[in-house]
Amino acid sequence: QAGASFYRAGGNSRFPMIISVLSNLMNIAGNALFIFVFGWGVAGAALSTLLSRIFCAVVIFGFLRLPRQAIVIRRYLVRPDFRMIKRILSIGIPSGIENGMFQFGKLAIQSSVSTLGTISIAANAMTIILENLNGIGGIGIGIGLMTVVGQTIGAGKPDEAKFYIARITWYAELVILGSCLLVFILTKPVTALAGMDPTAADMCFQMVVFITVLKPIVWVFSFIPAYGMRAAGDVKFSMIASSLTMWLCRVLLTTLLIRVFHFGPIAVWIGMASDWTCRGIVFTIRFFSGKWLKHYVI
């Protein structure tokens, strides 16, 4: 991950993508070999994952030693620059806390979903996979936006940073709209191929319809501008805003709808939509206020 970040920071996101694809193919092949041929079960899956990640690390850091690229690593034993480390951690720690809060929130939601029965659990699990699938393009654009904004801020061009955030947000809107429609079209064939129970498949389809309608409207504004503002150093605000909307909207509302009002798994997506909406409003106000530009990072 660290090596891939070096390349992305230098504007080369293609090479980490190629290595990631090769690593995933290696992981899949390793799973098939260790589980089905050698019969090692869970240990085989873990070994395959470990080997694929070692492959990534070796290749990435091997290529980082080559000349004629934006970032070259020649020496591994260097004197720590504690001032720079502190600046990096000022970004990394809030981002880590934000991600940790998100994972705890997912656990809290899953504890409520687990009370609904196996059919609802299966329907929600498939819906999560499909929702992740229709968001891949938007997340990729957001990661690319971080590189662009980081370079413009580093060059002392805040107006260009604002321009690219606004422009790329609308590009992401088009991508999310297209991906949501594509996943919507594929939902019934996918649930049929997965051999889902008809009731679970119908629940899943209803939730995908809900996501297809709302996600293009609210998801982009709640996530894409935030990627750019984090790249400008506005990580503490992002951590606080995202954590509050996550717990006060998504987790609290989902828990109430399931445990008090006896909703089905659609409650998860109602809570998530409320989180996206509130987060989008907060980050839109933050973007137009310009306060996210008043940070000094490196």
Protein backbone atom coordinates (compact mmCIF):
# COMPACT_ATOMS: atom_id res chain seq x y z
CA GLN A 1 0.00 0.00 0.00
CA ALA A 2 2.78 2.44 0.86
CA GLY A 3 4.66 1.72 -2.36
CA ALA A 4 1.50 2.07 -4.44
CA SER A 5 0.84 5.41 -2.74
CA PHE A 6 4.27 6.63 -3.90
CA TYR A 7 3.31 5.96 -7.50
CA ARG A 8 -0.13 7.52 -7.16
CA ALA A 9 1.38 10.62 -5.56
CA GLY A 10 3.69 10.87 -8.57
CA GLY A 11 0.71 10.71 -10.94
CA ASN A 12 1.19 7.08 -12.03
CA SER A 13 -1.87 5.10 -10.97
CA ARG A 14 -1.65 2.63 -13.86
CA PHE A 15 1.30 0.64 -12.53
CA PRO A 16 -0.24 -0.03 -9.06
CA MET A 17 -3.43 -1.10 -10.84
CA ILE A 18 -1.53 -3.65 -12.95
CA ILE A 19 0.26 -5.04 -9.89
CA SER A 20 -3.03 -5.21 -7.98
CA VAL A 21 -4.69 -7.15 -10.82
CA LEU A 22 -1.77 -9.59 -11.00
CA SER A 23 -1.84 -9.99 -7.22
CA ASN A 24 -5.57 -10.75 -7.22
CA LEU A 25 -5.16 -13.30 -10.03
CA MET A 26 -2.33 -14.88 -8.06
CA ASN A 27 -4.53 -14.96 -4.95
CA ILE A 28 -7.39 -16.64 -6.84
CA ALA A 29 -5.07 -19.24 -8.36
CA GLY A 30 -3.45 -19.84 -4.98
CA ASN A 31 -6.83 -20.32 -3.31
CA ALA A 32 -7.78 -22.92 -5.93
CA LEU A 33 -4.45 -24.72 -5.54
CA PHE A 34 -4.15 -24.72 -1.76
CA ILE A 35 -7.83 -25.35 -0.96
CA PHE A 36 -9.01 -27.75 -3.68
CA VAL A 37 -5.75 -29.52 -4.60
CA PHE A 38 -3.83 -29.64 -1.31
CA GLY A 39 -6.94 -29.50 0.90
CA TRP A 40 -5.50 -26.95 3.34
CA GLY A 41 -8.80 -25.14 3.91
CA VAL A 42 -8.67 -21.79 5.69
CA ALA A 43 -4.90 -22.05 6.15
CA GLY A 44 -4.54 -22.40 2.38
CA ALA A 45 -6.63 -19.28 1.77
CA ALA A 46 -4.54 -17.35 4.28
CA LEU A 47 -1.27 -18.56 2.71
CA SER A 48 -2.47 -17.56 -0.76
CA THR A 49 -3.35 -14.06 0.46
CA LEU A 50 0.01 -13.72 2.22
CA LEU A 51 2.00 -14.80 -0.85
CA SER A 52 0.08 -12.45 -3.15
CA ARG A 53 0.77 -9.52 -0.83
CA ILE A 54 4.45 -10.42 -0.57
CA PHE A 55 4.54 -10.48 -4.37
CA CYS A 56 3.03 -6.97 -4.47
CA ALA A 57 5.51 -5.60 -1.94
CA VAL A 58 8.57 -7.10 -3.65
CA VAL A 59 7.58 -5.94 -7.14
CA ILE A 60 6.55 -2.43 -6.07
CA PHE A 61 9.69 -1.75 -4.05
CA GLY A 62 11.83 -3.37 -6.73
CA PHE A 63 10.47 -0.97 -9.34
CA LEU A 64 10.86 1.98 -6.97
CA ARG A 65 14.63 1.46 -7.23
CA LEU A 66 14.62 2.03 -10.99
CA PRO A 67 15.81 5.45 -12.26
CA ARG A 68 13.88 7.94 -14.42
CA GLN A 69 10.67 8.08 -12.39
CA ALA A 70 9.06 10.61 -10.06
CA ILE A 71 10.07 8.83 -6.83
CA VAL A 72 13.19 6.65 -6.55
CA ILE A 73 14.22 4.76 -3.41
CA ARG A 74 17.92 3.97 -3.22
CA ARG A 75 18.64 3.86 0.50
CA TYR A 76 16.63 1.91 3.05
CA LEU A 77 18.57 3.00 6.17
CA VAL A 78 17.89 6.71 6.58
CA ARG A 79 17.76 9.08 9.52
CA PRO A 80 14.13 9.63 10.63
CA ASP A 81 12.78 13.10 9.94
CA PHE A 82 10.54 13.41 12.98
CA ARG A 83 9.06 16.72 11.87
CA MET A 84 7.97 15.16 8.57
CA ILE A 85 6.74 12.04 10.34
CA LYS A 86 4.61 14.21 12.61
CA ARG A 87 3.07 15.96 9.59
CA ILE A 88 2.33 12.64 7.92
CA LEU A 89 0.75 11.25 11.08
CA SER A 90 -1.38 14.39 11.38
CA ILE A 91 -3.06 13.17 8.20
CA GLY A 92 -2.82 9.43 8.75
CA ILE A 93 -4.12 9.19 12.31
CA PRO A 94 -7.43 11.05 11.72
CA SER A 95 -7.96 9.03 8.53
CA GLY A 96 -7.29 5.83 10.47
CA ILE A 97 -9.72 6.82 13.22
CA GLU A 98 -12.36 7.65 10.60
CA ASN A 99 -11.94 4.24 8.98
CA GLY A 100 -11.99 2.52 12.38
CA MET A 101 -15.24 4.24 13.32
CA PHE A 102 -16.69 3.15 10.00
CA GLN A 103 -15.78 -0.50 10.65
CA PHE A 104 -17.25 -0.40 14.17
CA GLY A 105 -20.41 1.10 12.69
CA LYS A 106 -20.65 -1.76 10.21
CA LEU A 107 -20.39 -4.23 13.08
CA ALA A 108 -23.16 -2.43 14.98
CA ILE A 109 -25.42 -2.53 11.93
CA GLN A 110 -24.67 -6.19 11.28
CA SER A 111 -25.65 -7.06 14.84
CA SER A 112 -29.12 -5.66 14.12
CA VAL A 113 -29.37 -7.34 10.71
CA SER A 114 -28.48 -10.70 12.29
CA THR A 115 -31.79 -10.61 14.20
CA LEU A 116 -33.80 -10.64 10.95
CA GLY A 117 -33.20 -14.25 9.92
CA THR A 118 -31.13 -16.04 7.29
CA ILE A 119 -33.14 -14.85 4.27
CA SER A 120 -32.73 -11.19 5.20
CA ILE A 121 -29.05 -11.71 6.00
CA ALA A 122 -28.45 -13.32 2.59
CA ALA A 123 -30.38 -10.57 0.79
CA ASN A 124 -28.47 -7.83 2.56
CA ALA A 125 -25.11 -9.53 1.96
CA MET A 126 -25.74 -9.72 -1.79
CA THR A 127 -26.96 -6.12 -1.83
CA ILE A 128 -23.76 -4.97 -0.12
CA ILE A 129 -21.71 -6.70 -2.82
CA LEU A 130 -23.74 -5.09 -5.60
CA GLU A 131 -23.61 -1.65 -3.94
CA ASN A 132 -19.84 -1.94 -3.60
CA LEU A 133 -19.66 -2.88 -7.27
CA ASN A 134 -21.57 0.17 -8.47
CA GLY A 135 -19.34 2.42 -6.36
CA ILE A 136 -15.96 1.18 -7.61
CA GLY A 137 -15.76 3.73 -10.42
CA GLY A 138 -16.58 6.63 -8.11
CA ILE A 139 -14.03 5.55 -5.52
CA GLY A 140 -11.37 5.24 -8.22
CA ILE A 141 -12.13 8.79 -9.37
CA GLY A 142 -11.89 9.99 -5.76
CA ILE A 143 -8.46 8.41 -5.32
CA GLY A 144 -7.30 10.03 -8.54
CA LEU A 145 -8.69 13.35 -7.35
CA MET A 146 -6.53 13.15 -4.23
CA THR A 147 -3.41 13.04 -6.40
CA VAL A 148 -4.56 15.98 -8.53
CA VAL A 149 -5.53 18.15 -5.56
CA GLY A 150 -2.37 17.25 -3.66
CA GLN A 151 -0.25 18.38 -6.60
CA THR A 152 -2.17 21.62 -7.15
CA ILE A 153 -2.06 22.53 -3.46
CA GLY A 154 1.64 21.67 -3.37
CA ALA A 155 2.19 23.96 -6.36
CA GLY A 156 0.42 26.80 -4.53
CA LYS A 157 -2.62 26.83 -6.82
CA PRO A 158 -5.71 26.58 -4.58
CA ASP A 159 -8.04 27.92 -7.28
CA GLU A 160 -7.08 25.01 -9.53
CA ALA A 161 -7.76 22.61 -6.65
CA LYS A 162 -11.29 24.01 -6.29
CA PHE A 163 -11.80 23.82 -10.05
CA TYR A 164 -10.72 20.18 -10.29
CA ILE A 165 -12.81 19.11 -7.31
CA ALA A 166 -15.93 20.67 -8.85
CA ARG A 167 -15.21 19.33 -12.34
CA ILE A 168 -14.30 15.81 -11.28
CA THR A 169 -17.31 15.61 -8.95
CA TRP A 170 -19.58 15.98 -11.97
CA TYR A 171 -17.59 13.37 -13.89
CA ALA A 172 -18.05 11.04 -10.93
CA GLU A 173 -21.78 11.76 -11.01
CA LEU A 174 -21.98 10.46 -14.58
CA VAL A 175 -19.90 7.39 -13.73
CA ILE A 176 -22.03 6.53 -10.69
CA LEU A 177 -25.24 6.98 -12.67
CA GLY A 178 -23.99 4.62 -15.37
CA SER A 179 -22.66 2.03 -12.92
CA CYS A 180 -25.88 2.06 -10.87
CA LEU A 181 -27.95 1.44 -13.99
CA LEU A 182 -25.62 -1.35 -15.10
CA VAL A 183 -25.76 -3.09 -11.71
CA PHE A 184 -29.55 -2.67 -11.66
CA ILE A 185 -29.79 -4.45 -15.01
CA LEU A 186 -27.51 -7.26 -13.82
CA THR A 187 -29.12 -7.78 -10.40
CA LYS A 188 -31.68 -10.44 -11.36
CA PRO A 189 -29.22 -12.46 -13.50
CA VAL A 190 -26.63 -12.33 -10.70
CA THR A 191 -29.07 -13.45 -7.99
CA ALA A 192 -30.25 -16.26 -10.27
CA LEU A 193 -26.68 -17.42 -10.95
CA ALA A 194 -25.95 -17.28 -7.21
CA GLY A 195 -28.86 -19.66 -6.57
CA MET A 196 -30.47 -17.36 -4.02
CA ASP A 197 -33.77 -18.17 -2.38
CA PRO A 198 -36.55 -16.43 -4.39
CA THR A 199 -37.64 -14.41 -1.36
CA ALA A 200 -34.07 -13.28 -0.67
CA ALA A 201 -33.55 -12.46 -4.35
CA ASP A 202 -36.71 -10.35 -4.38
CA MET A 203 -35.58 -8.48 -1.23
CA CYS A 204 -32.20 -7.89 -2.83
CA PHE A 205 -33.78 -6.52 -6.01
CA GLN A 206 -35.98 -4.12 -4.05
CA MET A 207 -32.96 -2.79 -2.16
CA VAL A 208 -30.97 -2.39 -5.38
CA VAL A 209 -33.86 -0.37 -6.85
CA PHE A 210 -33.75 1.90 -3.79
CA ILE A 211 -29.97 2.32 -4.15
CA THR A 212 -30.20 2.94 -7.91
CA VAL A 213 -32.61 5.82 -7.35
CA LEU A 214 -30.84 7.51 -4.42
CA LYS A 215 -27.13 6.81 -4.85
CA PRO A 216 -26.57 9.01 -7.95
CA ILE A 217 -28.34 11.87 -6.18
CA VAL A 218 -26.55 11.91 -2.81
CA TRP A 219 -23.51 9.58 -2.79
CA VAL A 220 -21.20 11.60 -5.04
CA PHE A 221 -21.52 14.85 -3.06
CA SER A 222 -20.94 13.01 0.21
CA PHE A 223 -17.68 11.34 -0.86
CA ILE A 224 -15.94 12.84 -3.91
CA PRO A 225 -15.37 16.43 -2.65
CA ALA A 226 -14.20 14.93 0.66
CA TYR A 227 -11.39 13.08 -1.14
CA GLY A 228 -10.12 16.37 -2.51
CA MET A 229 -10.43 18.23 0.78
CA ARG A 230 -8.55 15.48 2.61
CA ALA A 231 -5.75 15.82 0.06
CA ALA A 232 -5.57 19.51 1.01
CA GLY A 233 -5.05 18.51 4.66
CA ASP A 234 -8.63 18.89 5.92
CA VAL A 235 -8.61 15.48 7.58
CA LYS A 236 -9.77 16.32 11.11
CA PHE A 237 -12.98 17.89 9.87
CA SER A 238 -13.58 14.90 7.61
CA MET A 239 -13.01 12.50 10.51
CA ILE A 240 -15.44 14.33 12.81
CA ALA A 241 -18.13 14.89 10.19
CA SER A 242 -17.99 11.35 8.79
CA SER A 243 -18.00 9.73 12.22
CA LEU A 244 -20.94 11.80 13.45
CA THR A 245 -23.08 11.19 10.36
CA MET A 246 -22.15 7.51 10.42
CA TRP A 247 -23.27 6.95 14.01
CA LEU A 248 -26.10 9.48 14.32
CA CYS A 249 -27.68 8.72 10.94
CA ARG A 250 -26.67 5.32 9.62
CA VAL A 251 -26.19 3.29 12.80
CA LEU A 252 -28.81 4.94 15.01
CA LEU A 253 -31.54 5.08 12.36
CA THR A 254 -30.91 1.53 11.16
CA THR A 255 -31.01 0.20 14.72
CA LEU A 256 -34.26 2.03 15.49
CA LEU A 257 -35.95 0.91 12.28
CA ILE A 258 -35.03 -2.74 12.80
CA ARG A 259 -35.30 -3.18 16.56
CA VAL A 260 -38.13 -0.74 17.34
CA PHE A 261 -40.18 -0.40 14.16
CA HIS A 262 -39.47 -3.95 12.90
CA PHE A 263 -38.31 -3.00 9.41
CA GLY A 264 -36.57 -5.56 7.22
CA PRO A 265 -33.08 -5.22 5.68
CA ILE A 266 -34.23 -2.15 3.72
CA ALA A 267 -33.65 -0.30 7.02
CA VAL A 268 -29.90 -0.62 6.43
CA TRP A 269 -30.17 1.30 3.18
CA ILE A 270 -32.56 3.90 4.55
CA GLY A 271 -30.00 4.59 7.27
CA MET A 272 -27.19 4.65 4.73
CA ALA A 273 -29.08 7.06 2.47
CA SER A 274 -29.65 9.39 5.43
CA ASP A 275 -25.91 9.22 6.18
CA TRP A 276 -25.02 10.02 2.56
CA THR A 277 -27.49 12.91 2.48
CA CYS A 278 -26.31 14.56 5.71
CA ARG A 279 -22.67 14.00 4.85
CA GLY A 280 -23.21 15.48 1.38
CA ILE A 281 -24.79 18.61 2.84
CA VAL A 282 -21.96 19.03 5.37
CA PHE A 283 -19.16 18.57 2.83
CA THR A 284 -20.84 20.82 0.26
CA ILE A 285 -21.06 23.63 2.82
CA ARG A 286 -17.44 22.98 3.80
CA PHE A 287 -16.28 23.10 0.18
CA PHE A 288 -17.93 26.43 -0.60
CA SER A 289 -16.74 27.95 2.69
CA GLY A 290 -13.12 27.58 1.57
CA LYS A 291 -11.96 26.71 5.10
CA TRP A 292 -10.47 23.44 3.86
CA LEU A 293 -7.82 25.46 2.01
CA LYS A 294 -6.41 26.95 5.23
CA HIS A 295 -4.23 23.99 6.15
CA TYR A 296 -0.47 23.63 5.89
CA VAL A 297 0.58 20.01 5.52
CA ILE A 298 4.06 19.55 4.04
